[in-house]
PDB file of N, CA and C in Angstrom:
ATOM      1  N   UNK A   1      43.993  37.944 -42.943  1.00  0.00           N
ATOM      2  CA  UNK A   1      43.611  36.938 -43.913  1.00  0.00           C
ATOM      3  C   UNK A   1      42.168  37.217 -44.344  1.00  0.00           C
ATOM      4  N   UNK A   2      41.951  37.198 -45.645  1.00  0.00           N
ATOM      5  CA  UNK A   2      40.598  37.430 -46.130  1.00  0.00           C
ATOM      6  C   UNK A   2      39.848  36.104 -46.281  1.00  0.00           C
ATOM      7  N   UNK A   3      38.557  36.206 -46.578  1.00  0.00           N
ATOM      8  CA  UNK A   3      37.715  35.007 -46.644  1.00  0.00           C
ATOM      9  C   UNK A   3      38.086  34.117 -47.824  1.00  0.00           C
ATOM     10  N   UNK A   4      38.526  34.716 -48.911  1.00  0.00           N
ATOM     11  CA  UNK A   4      38.911  33.914 -50.078  1.00  0.00           C
ATOM     12  C   UNK A   4      40.125  33.042 -49.762  1.00  0.00           C
ATOM     13  N   UNK A   5      41.073  33.609 -49.028  1.00  0.00           N
ATOM     14  CA  UNK A   5      42.253  32.843 -48.633  1.00  0.00           C
ATOM     15  C   UNK A   5      41.872  31.698 -47.699  1.00  0.00           C
ATOM     16  N   UNK A   6      41.006  31.970 -46.735  1.00  0.00           N
ATOM     17  CA  UNK A   6      40.559  30.935 -45.805  1.00  0.00           C
ATOM     18  C   UNK A   6      39.824  29.834 -46.548  1.00  0.00           C
ATOM     19  N   UNK A   7      38.972  30.233 -47.498  1.00  0.00           N
ATOM     20  CA  UNK A   7      38.244  29.232 -48.288  1.00  0.00           C
ATOM     21  C   UNK A   7      39.213  28.359 -49.083  1.00  0.00           C
ATOM     22  N   UNK A   8      40.216  28.973 -49.667  1.00  0.00           N
ATOM     23  CA  UNK A   8      41.213  28.210 -50.436  1.00  0.00           C
ATOM     24  C   UNK A   8      41.984  27.248 -49.528  1.00  0.00           C
ATOM     25  N   UNK A   9      42.349  27.711 -48.343  1.00  0.00           N
ATOM     26  CA  UNK A   9      43.076  26.853 -47.394  1.00  0.00           C
ATOM     27  C   UNK A   9      42.220  25.659 -46.991  1.00  0.00           C
ATOM     28  N   UNK A  10      40.944  25.905 -46.670  1.00  0.00           N
ATOM     29  CA  UNK A  10      40.064  24.793 -46.307  1.00  0.00           C
ATOM     30  C   UNK A  10      39.881  23.816 -47.462  1.00  0.00           C
ATOM     31  N   UNK A  11      39.788  24.336 -48.677  1.00  0.00           N
ATOM     32  CA  UNK A  11      39.652  23.463 -49.845  1.00  0.00           C
ATOM     33  C   UNK A  11      40.881  22.593 -50.053  1.00  0.00           C
ATOM     34  N   UNK A  12      42.059  23.189 -49.956  1.00  0.00           N
ATOM     35  CA  UNK A  12      43.301  22.430 -50.121  1.00  0.00           C
ATOM     36  C   UNK A  12      43.468  21.417 -48.996  1.00  0.00           C
ATOM     37  N   UNK A  13      43.160  21.814 -47.765  1.00  0.00           N
ATOM     38  CA  UNK A  13      43.248  20.882 -46.632  1.00  0.00           C
ATOM     39  C   UNK A  13      42.311  19.698 -46.824  1.00  0.00           C
ATOM     40  N   UNK A  14      41.111  19.957 -47.327  1.00  0.00           N
ATOM     41  CA  UNK A  14      40.157  18.879 -47.569  1.00  0.00           C
ATOM     42  C   UNK A  14      40.713  17.900 -48.595  1.00  0.00           C
ATOM     43  N   UNK A  15      41.244  18.416 -49.689  1.00  0.00           N
ATOM     44  CA  UNK A  15      41.801  17.544 -50.724  1.00  0.00           C
ATOM     45  C   UNK A  15      42.982  16.728 -50.198  1.00  0.00           C
ATOM     46  N   UNK A  16      43.873  17.383 -49.468  1.00  0.00           N
ATOM     47  CA  UNK A  16      45.034  16.675 -48.927  1.00  0.00           C
ATOM     48  C   UNK A  16      44.611  15.591 -47.927  1.00  0.00           C
ATOM     49  N   UNK A  17      43.656  15.915 -47.064  1.00  0.00           N
ATOM     50  CA  UNK A  17      43.211  14.938 -46.081  1.00  0.00           C
ATOM     51  C   UNK A  17      42.498  13.758 -46.733  1.00  0.00           C
ATOM     52  N   UNK A  18      41.692  14.008 -47.761  1.00  0.00           N
ATOM     53  CA  UNK A  18      41.071  12.892 -48.468  1.00  0.00           C
ATOM     54  C   UNK A  18      42.114  12.085 -49.225  1.00  0.00           C
ATOM     55  N   UNK A  19      43.179  12.731 -49.700  1.00  0.00           N
ATOM     56  CA  UNK A  19      44.288  11.996 -50.308  1.00  0.00           C
ATOM     57  C   UNK A  19      44.943  11.056 -49.315  1.00  0.00           C
ATOM     58  N   UNK A  20      45.156  11.546 -48.099  1.00  0.00           N
ATOM     59  CA  UNK A  20      45.711  10.691 -47.042  1.00  0.00           C
ATOM     60  C   UNK A  20      44.785   9.512 -46.780  1.00  0.00           C
ATOM     61  N   UNK A  21      43.493   9.764 -46.726  1.00  0.00           N
ATOM     62  CA  UNK A  21      42.518   8.705 -46.478  1.00  0.00           C
ATOM     63  C   UNK A  21      42.521   7.666 -47.604  1.00  0.00           C
ATOM     64  N   UNK A  22      42.640   8.113 -48.840  1.00  0.00           N
ATOM     65  CA  UNK A  22      42.680   7.188 -49.977  1.00  0.00           C
ATOM     66  C   UNK A  22      43.947   6.348 -49.945  1.00  0.00           C
ATOM     67  N   UNK A  23      45.087   6.968 -49.650  1.00  0.00           N
ATOM     68  CA  UNK A  23      46.347   6.212 -49.555  1.00  0.00           C
ATOM     69  C   UNK A  23      46.270   5.208 -48.415  1.00  0.00           C
ATOM     70  N   UNK A  24      45.728   5.624 -47.279  1.00  0.00           N
ATOM     71  CA  UNK A  24      45.568   4.738 -46.131  1.00  0.00           C
ATOM     72  C   UNK A  24      44.718   3.531 -46.512  1.00  0.00           C
ATOM     73  N   UNK A  25      43.578   3.765 -47.173  1.00  0.00           N
ATOM     74  CA  UNK A  25      42.707   2.670 -47.571  1.00  0.00           C
ATOM     75  C   UNK A  25      43.407   1.766 -48.588  1.00  0.00           C
ATOM     76  N   UNK A  26      44.135   2.355 -49.537  1.00  0.00           N
ATOM     77  CA  UNK A  26      44.846   1.555 -50.537  1.00  0.00           C
ATOM     78  C   UNK A  26      45.907   0.676 -49.880  1.00  0.00           C
ATOM     79  N   UNK A  27      46.671   1.242 -48.956  1.00  0.00           N
ATOM     80  CA  UNK A  27      47.679   0.441 -48.254  1.00  0.00           C
ATOM     81  C   UNK A  27      47.034  -0.645 -47.414  1.00  0.00           C
ATOM     82  N   UNK A  28      45.932  -0.318 -46.768  1.00  0.00           N
ATOM     83  CA  UNK A  28      45.211  -1.295 -45.953  1.00  0.00           C
ATOM     84  C   UNK A  28      44.674  -2.424 -46.827  1.00  0.00           C
ATOM     85  N   UNK A  29      44.192  -2.094 -48.012  1.00  0.00           N
ATOM     86  CA  UNK A  29      43.614  -3.102 -48.897  1.00  0.00           C
ATOM     87  C   UNK A  29      44.677  -3.924 -49.622  1.00  0.00           C
ATOM     88  N   UNK A  30      45.668  -3.250 -50.180  1.00  0.00           N
ATOM     89  CA  UNK A  30      46.646  -3.932 -51.024  1.00  0.00           C
ATOM     90  C   UNK A  30      47.790  -4.562 -50.234  1.00  0.00           C
ATOM     91  N   UNK A  31      48.183  -3.946 -49.133  1.00  0.00           N
ATOM     92  CA  UNK A  31      49.297  -4.464 -48.349  1.00  0.00           C
ATOM     93  C   UNK A  31      48.861  -5.022 -47.015  1.00  0.00           C
ATOM     94  N   UNK A  32      47.673  -5.609 -46.987  1.00  0.00           N
ATOM     95  CA  UNK A  32      47.061  -6.026 -45.728  1.00  0.00           C
ATOM     96  C   UNK A  32      47.971  -6.953 -44.912  1.00  0.00           C
ATOM     97  N   UNK A  33      48.439  -8.022 -45.525  1.00  0.00           N
ATOM     98  CA  UNK A  33      49.231  -9.017 -44.777  1.00  0.00           C
ATOM     99  C   UNK A  33      50.530  -8.425 -44.249  1.00  0.00           C
ATOM    100  N   UNK A  34      51.222  -7.669 -45.087  1.00  0.00           N
ATOM    101  CA  UNK A  34      52.490  -7.093 -44.674  1.00  0.00           C
ATOM    102  C   UNK A  34      52.294  -6.107 -43.524  1.00  0.00           C
ATOM    103  N   UNK A  35      51.300  -5.232 -43.648  1.00  0.00           N
ATOM    104  CA  UNK A  35      51.067  -4.231 -42.599  1.00  0.00           C
ATOM    105  C   UNK A  35      50.568  -4.900 -41.319  1.00  0.00           C
ATOM    106  N   UNK A  36      49.731  -5.935 -41.471  1.00  0.00           N
ATOM    107  CA  UNK A  36      49.267  -6.649 -40.283  1.00  0.00           C
ATOM    108  C   UNK A  36      50.442  -7.298 -39.545  1.00  0.00           C
ATOM    109  N   UNK A  37      51.337  -7.942 -40.281  1.00  0.00           N
ATOM    110  CA  UNK A  37      52.511  -8.567 -39.644  1.00  0.00           C
ATOM    111  C   UNK A  37      53.373  -7.522 -38.941  1.00  0.00           C
ATOM    112  N   UNK A  38      53.548  -6.374 -39.571  1.00  0.00           N
ATOM    113  CA  UNK A  38      54.341  -5.306 -38.976  1.00  0.00           C
ATOM    114  C   UNK A  38      53.721  -4.822 -37.671  1.00  0.00           C
ATOM    115  N   UNK A  39      52.428  -4.524 -37.698  1.00  0.00           N
ATOM    116  CA  UNK A  39      51.770  -4.010 -36.502  1.00  0.00           C
ATOM    117  C   UNK A  39      51.606  -5.071 -35.425  1.00  0.00           C
ATOM    118  N   UNK A  40      51.342  -6.299 -35.821  1.00  0.00           N
ATOM    119  CA  UNK A  40      51.167  -7.346 -34.810  1.00  0.00           C
ATOM    120  C   UNK A  40      52.493  -7.744 -34.167  1.00  0.00           C
ATOM    121  N   UNK A  41      53.601  -7.397 -34.792  1.00  0.00           N
ATOM    122  CA  UNK A  41      54.884  -7.648 -34.126  1.00  0.00           C
ATOM    123  C   UNK A  41      55.113  -6.639 -33.001  1.00  0.00           C
ATOM    124  N   UNK A  42      54.528  -5.458 -33.124  1.00  0.00           N
ATOM    125  CA  UNK A  42      54.630  -4.438 -32.075  1.00  0.00           C
ATOM    126  C   UNK A  42      53.550  -4.607 -31.026  1.00  0.00           C
ATOM    127  N   UNK A  43      52.321  -4.840 -31.511  1.00  0.00           N
ATOM    128  CA  UNK A  43      51.154  -4.948 -30.630  1.00  0.00           C
ATOM    129  C   UNK A  43      50.415  -6.236 -30.957  1.00  0.00           C
ATOM    130  N   UNK A  44      50.554  -7.253 -30.110  1.00  0.00           N
ATOM    131  CA  UNK A  44      49.867  -8.517 -30.405  1.00  0.00           C
ATOM    132  C   UNK A  44      48.352  -8.312 -30.478  1.00  0.00           C
ATOM    133  N   UNK A  45      47.762  -8.709 -31.624  1.00  0.00           N
ATOM    134  CA  UNK A  45      46.317  -8.558 -31.815  1.00  0.00           C
ATOM    135  C   UNK A  45      45.845  -9.525 -32.883  1.00  0.00           C
ATOM    136  N   UNK A  46      44.576  -9.859 -32.813  1.00  0.00           N
ATOM    137  CA  UNK A  46      43.995 -10.727 -33.835  1.00  0.00           C
ATOM    138  C   UNK A  46      43.706  -9.901 -35.087  1.00  0.00           C
ATOM    139  N   UNK A  47      43.467 -10.593 -36.194  1.00  0.00           N
ATOM    140  CA  UNK A  47      43.133  -9.884 -37.430  1.00  0.00           C
ATOM    141  C   UNK A  47      41.818  -9.125 -37.295  1.00  0.00           C
ATOM    142  N   UNK A  48      40.890  -9.706 -36.546  1.00  0.00           N
ATOM    143  CA  UNK A  48      39.596  -9.039 -36.353  1.00  0.00           C
ATOM    144  C   UNK A  48      39.782  -7.710 -35.606  1.00  0.00           C
ATOM    145  N   UNK A  49      40.587  -7.734 -34.547  1.00  0.00           N
ATOM    146  CA  UNK A  49      40.855  -6.495 -33.802  1.00  0.00           C
ATOM    147  C   UNK A  49      41.604  -5.483 -34.659  1.00  0.00           C
ATOM    148  N   UNK A  50      42.505  -5.964 -35.485  1.00  0.00           N
ATOM    149  CA  UNK A  50      43.245  -5.093 -36.390  1.00  0.00           C
ATOM    150  C   UNK A  50      42.296  -4.418 -37.385  1.00  0.00           C
ATOM    151  N   UNK A  51      41.372  -5.190 -37.945  1.00  0.00           N
ATOM    152  CA  UNK A  51      40.392  -4.635 -38.877  1.00  0.00           C
ATOM    153  C   UNK A  51      39.514  -3.585 -38.203  1.00  0.00           C
ATOM    154  N   UNK A  52      39.024  -3.916 -37.010  1.00  0.00           N
ATOM    155  CA  UNK A  52      38.169  -2.982 -36.277  1.00  0.00           C
ATOM    156  C   UNK A  52      38.926  -1.694 -35.967  1.00  0.00           C
ATOM    157  N   UNK A  53      40.159  -1.812 -35.518  1.00  0.00           N
ATOM    158  CA  UNK A  53      40.956  -0.626 -35.190  1.00  0.00           C
ATOM    159  C   UNK A  53      41.157   0.258 -36.420  1.00  0.00           C
ATOM    160  N   UNK A  54      41.461  -0.358 -37.557  1.00  0.00           N
ATOM    161  CA  UNK A  54      41.669   0.419 -38.779  1.00  0.00           C
ATOM    162  C   UNK A  54      40.397   1.085 -39.262  1.00  0.00           C
ATOM    163  N   UNK A  55      39.306   0.349 -39.282  1.00  0.00           N
ATOM    164  CA  UNK A  55      38.050   0.934 -39.757  1.00  0.00           C
ATOM    165  C   UNK A  55      37.562   2.043 -38.828  1.00  0.00           C
ATOM    166  N   UNK A  56      37.699   1.855 -37.531  1.00  0.00           N
ATOM    167  CA  UNK A  56      37.309   2.925 -36.598  1.00  0.00           C
ATOM    168  C   UNK A  56      38.184   4.158 -36.770  1.00  0.00           C
ATOM    169  N   UNK A  57      39.486   3.938 -36.951  1.00  0.00           N
ATOM    170  CA  UNK A  57      40.393   5.070 -37.144  1.00  0.00           C
ATOM    171  C   UNK A  57      40.082   5.795 -38.454  1.00  0.00           C
ATOM    172  N   UNK A  58      39.808   5.040 -39.517  1.00  0.00           N
ATOM    173  CA  UNK A  58      39.457   5.674 -40.793  1.00  0.00           C
ATOM    174  C   UNK A  58      38.150   6.448 -40.683  1.00  0.00           C
ATOM    175  N   UNK A  59      37.172   5.876 -40.009  1.00  0.00           N
ATOM    176  CA  UNK A  59      35.887   6.560 -39.849  1.00  0.00           C
ATOM    177  C   UNK A  59      36.051   7.832 -39.023  1.00  0.00           C
ATOM    178  N   UNK A  60      36.826   7.757 -37.959  1.00  0.00           N
ATOM    179  CA  UNK A  60      37.074   8.937 -37.123  1.00  0.00           C
ATOM    180  C   UNK A  60      37.794  10.021 -37.917  1.00  0.00           C
ATOM    181  N   UNK A  61      38.797   9.619 -38.676  1.00  0.00           N
ATOM    182  CA  UNK A  61      39.549  10.563 -39.503  1.00  0.00           C
ATOM    183  C   UNK A  61      38.633  11.237 -40.518  1.00  0.00           C
ATOM    184  N   UNK A  62      37.770  10.437 -41.157  1.00  0.00           N
ATOM    185  CA  UNK A  62      36.860  10.990 -42.159  1.00  0.00           C
ATOM    186  C   UNK A  62      35.878  11.981 -41.525  1.00  0.00           C
ATOM    187  N   UNK A  63      35.357  11.657 -40.365  1.00  0.00           N
ATOM    188  CA  UNK A  63      34.434  12.565 -39.680  1.00  0.00           C
ATOM    189  C   UNK A  63      35.144  13.864 -39.302  1.00  0.00           C
ATOM    190  N   UNK A  64      36.374  13.756 -38.814  1.00  0.00           N
ATOM    191  CA  UNK A  64      37.129  14.961 -38.454  1.00  0.00           C
ATOM    192  C   UNK A  64      37.415  15.831 -39.672  1.00  0.00           C
ATOM    193  N   UNK A  65      37.722  15.208 -40.801  1.00  0.00           N
ATOM    194  CA  UNK A  65      37.944  15.971 -42.025  1.00  0.00           C
ATOM    195  C   UNK A  65      36.658  16.675 -42.444  1.00  0.00           C
ATOM    196  N   UNK A  66      35.536  15.974 -42.351  1.00  0.00           N
ATOM    197  CA  UNK A  66      34.253  16.591 -42.700  1.00  0.00           C
ATOM    198  C   UNK A  66      33.957  17.798 -41.808  1.00  0.00           C
ATOM    199  N   UNK A  67      34.113  17.611 -40.504  1.00  0.00           N
ATOM    200  CA  UNK A  67      33.737  18.654 -39.552  1.00  0.00           C
ATOM    201  C   UNK A  67      34.681  19.852 -39.602  1.00  0.00           C
ATOM    202  N   UNK A  68      35.975  19.591 -39.693  1.00  0.00           N
ATOM    203  CA  UNK A  68      36.943  20.680 -39.576  1.00  0.00           C
ATOM    204  C   UNK A  68      37.488  21.212 -40.896  1.00  0.00           C
ATOM    205  N   UNK A  69      37.208  20.553 -42.012  1.00  0.00           N
ATOM    206  CA  UNK A  69      37.698  21.042 -43.303  1.00  0.00           C
ATOM    207  C   UNK A  69      36.581  21.260 -44.311  1.00  0.00           C
ATOM    208  N   UNK A  70      35.804  20.228 -44.580  1.00  0.00           N
ATOM    209  CA  UNK A  70      34.818  20.322 -45.651  1.00  0.00           C
ATOM    210  C   UNK A  70      33.640  21.223 -45.292  1.00  0.00           C
ATOM    211  N   UNK A  71      33.088  21.089 -44.114  1.00  0.00           N
ATOM    212  CA  UNK A  71      31.945  21.913 -43.716  1.00  0.00           C
ATOM    213  C   UNK A  71      32.313  23.408 -43.672  1.00  0.00           C
ATOM    214  N   UNK A  72      33.464  23.790 -43.075  1.00  0.00           N
ATOM    215  CA  UNK A  72      33.829  25.219 -43.148  1.00  0.00           C
ATOM    216  C   UNK A  72      34.043  25.698 -44.588  1.00  0.00           C
ATOM    217  N   UNK A  73      34.602  24.852 -45.448  1.00  0.00           N
ATOM    218  CA  UNK A  73      34.790  25.221 -46.852  1.00  0.00           C
ATOM    219  C   UNK A  73      33.445  25.488 -47.518  1.00  0.00           C
ATOM    220  N   UNK A  74      32.486  24.584 -47.303  1.00  0.00           N
ATOM    221  CA  UNK A  74      31.154  24.760 -47.894  1.00  0.00           C
ATOM    222  C   UNK A  74      30.482  26.010 -47.337  1.00  0.00           C
ATOM    223  N   UNK A  75      30.609  26.231 -46.036  1.00  0.00           N
ATOM    224  CA  UNK A  75      30.009  27.424 -45.425  1.00  0.00           C
ATOM    225  C   UNK A  75      30.601  28.700 -46.018  1.00  0.00           C
ATOM    226  N   UNK A  76      31.910  28.726 -46.213  1.00  0.00           N
ATOM    227  CA  UNK A  76      32.537  29.905 -46.813  1.00  0.00           C
ATOM    228  C   UNK A  76      32.120  30.091 -48.267  1.00  0.00           C
ATOM    229  N   UNK A  77      31.948  28.995 -48.990  1.00  0.00           N
ATOM    230  CA  UNK A  77      31.474  29.082 -50.384  1.00  0.00           C
ATOM    231  C   UNK A  77      30.055  29.641 -50.437  1.00  0.00           C
ATOM    232  N   UNK A  78      29.202  29.166 -49.522  1.00  0.00           N
ATOM    233  CA  UNK A  78      27.819  29.636 -49.519  1.00  0.00           C
ATOM    234  C   UNK A  78      27.711  31.099 -49.125  1.00  0.00           C
ATOM    235  N   UNK A  79      28.485  31.511 -48.137  1.00  0.00           N
ATOM    236  CA  UNK A  79      28.427  32.908 -47.722  1.00  0.00           C
ATOM    237  C   UNK A  79      29.063  33.824 -48.745  1.00  0.00           C
ATOM    238  N   UNK A  80      30.044  33.362 -49.475  1.00  0.00           N
ATOM    239  CA  UNK A  80      30.674  34.190 -50.506  1.00  0.00           C
ATOM    240  C   UNK A  80      29.713  34.403 -51.683  1.00  0.00           C
ATOM    241  N   UNK A  81      28.906  33.392 -51.991  1.00  0.00           N
ATOM    242  CA  UNK A  81      27.968  33.540 -53.102  1.00  0.00           C
ATOM    243  C   UNK A  81      26.827  34.492 -52.735  1.00  0.00           C
ATOM    244  N   UNK A  82      26.516  34.614 -51.441  1.00  0.00           N
ATOM    245  CA  UNK A  82      25.465  35.539 -51.004  1.00  0.00           C
ATOM    246  C   UNK A  82      25.932  36.989 -51.042  1.00  0.00           C
ATOM    247  N   UNK A  83      27.241  37.228 -50.913  1.00  0.00           N
ATOM    248  CA  UNK A  83      27.774  38.578 -50.875  1.00  0.00           C
ATOM    249  C   UNK A  83      27.788  39.240 -52.260  1.00  0.00           C
ATOM    250  N   UNK A  84      27.762  38.454 -53.306  1.00  0.00           N
ATOM    251  CA  UNK A  84      27.867  39.013 -54.680  1.00  0.00           C
ATOM    252  C   UNK A  84      26.623  39.681 -55.124  1.00  0.00           C
TER     253      UNK A  84
END
């Protein structure tokens, strides 16, 4: 695999992961009551705990996407521009 292919893969992974994050946030915002009822039927929890769990999970997901997708993509872009 060459560096251009790796850079493209990291770029696509970053876009897909941010798409997942946007859909997750949209569902959390727009379908809050329905999703809360669904999850609280499986795991009894208050709305405050549900909010904290979702925000922590979203923040963790975003940090992981930054560290494992976006930063390597940027590093490959910067090193590719130096080679020219």
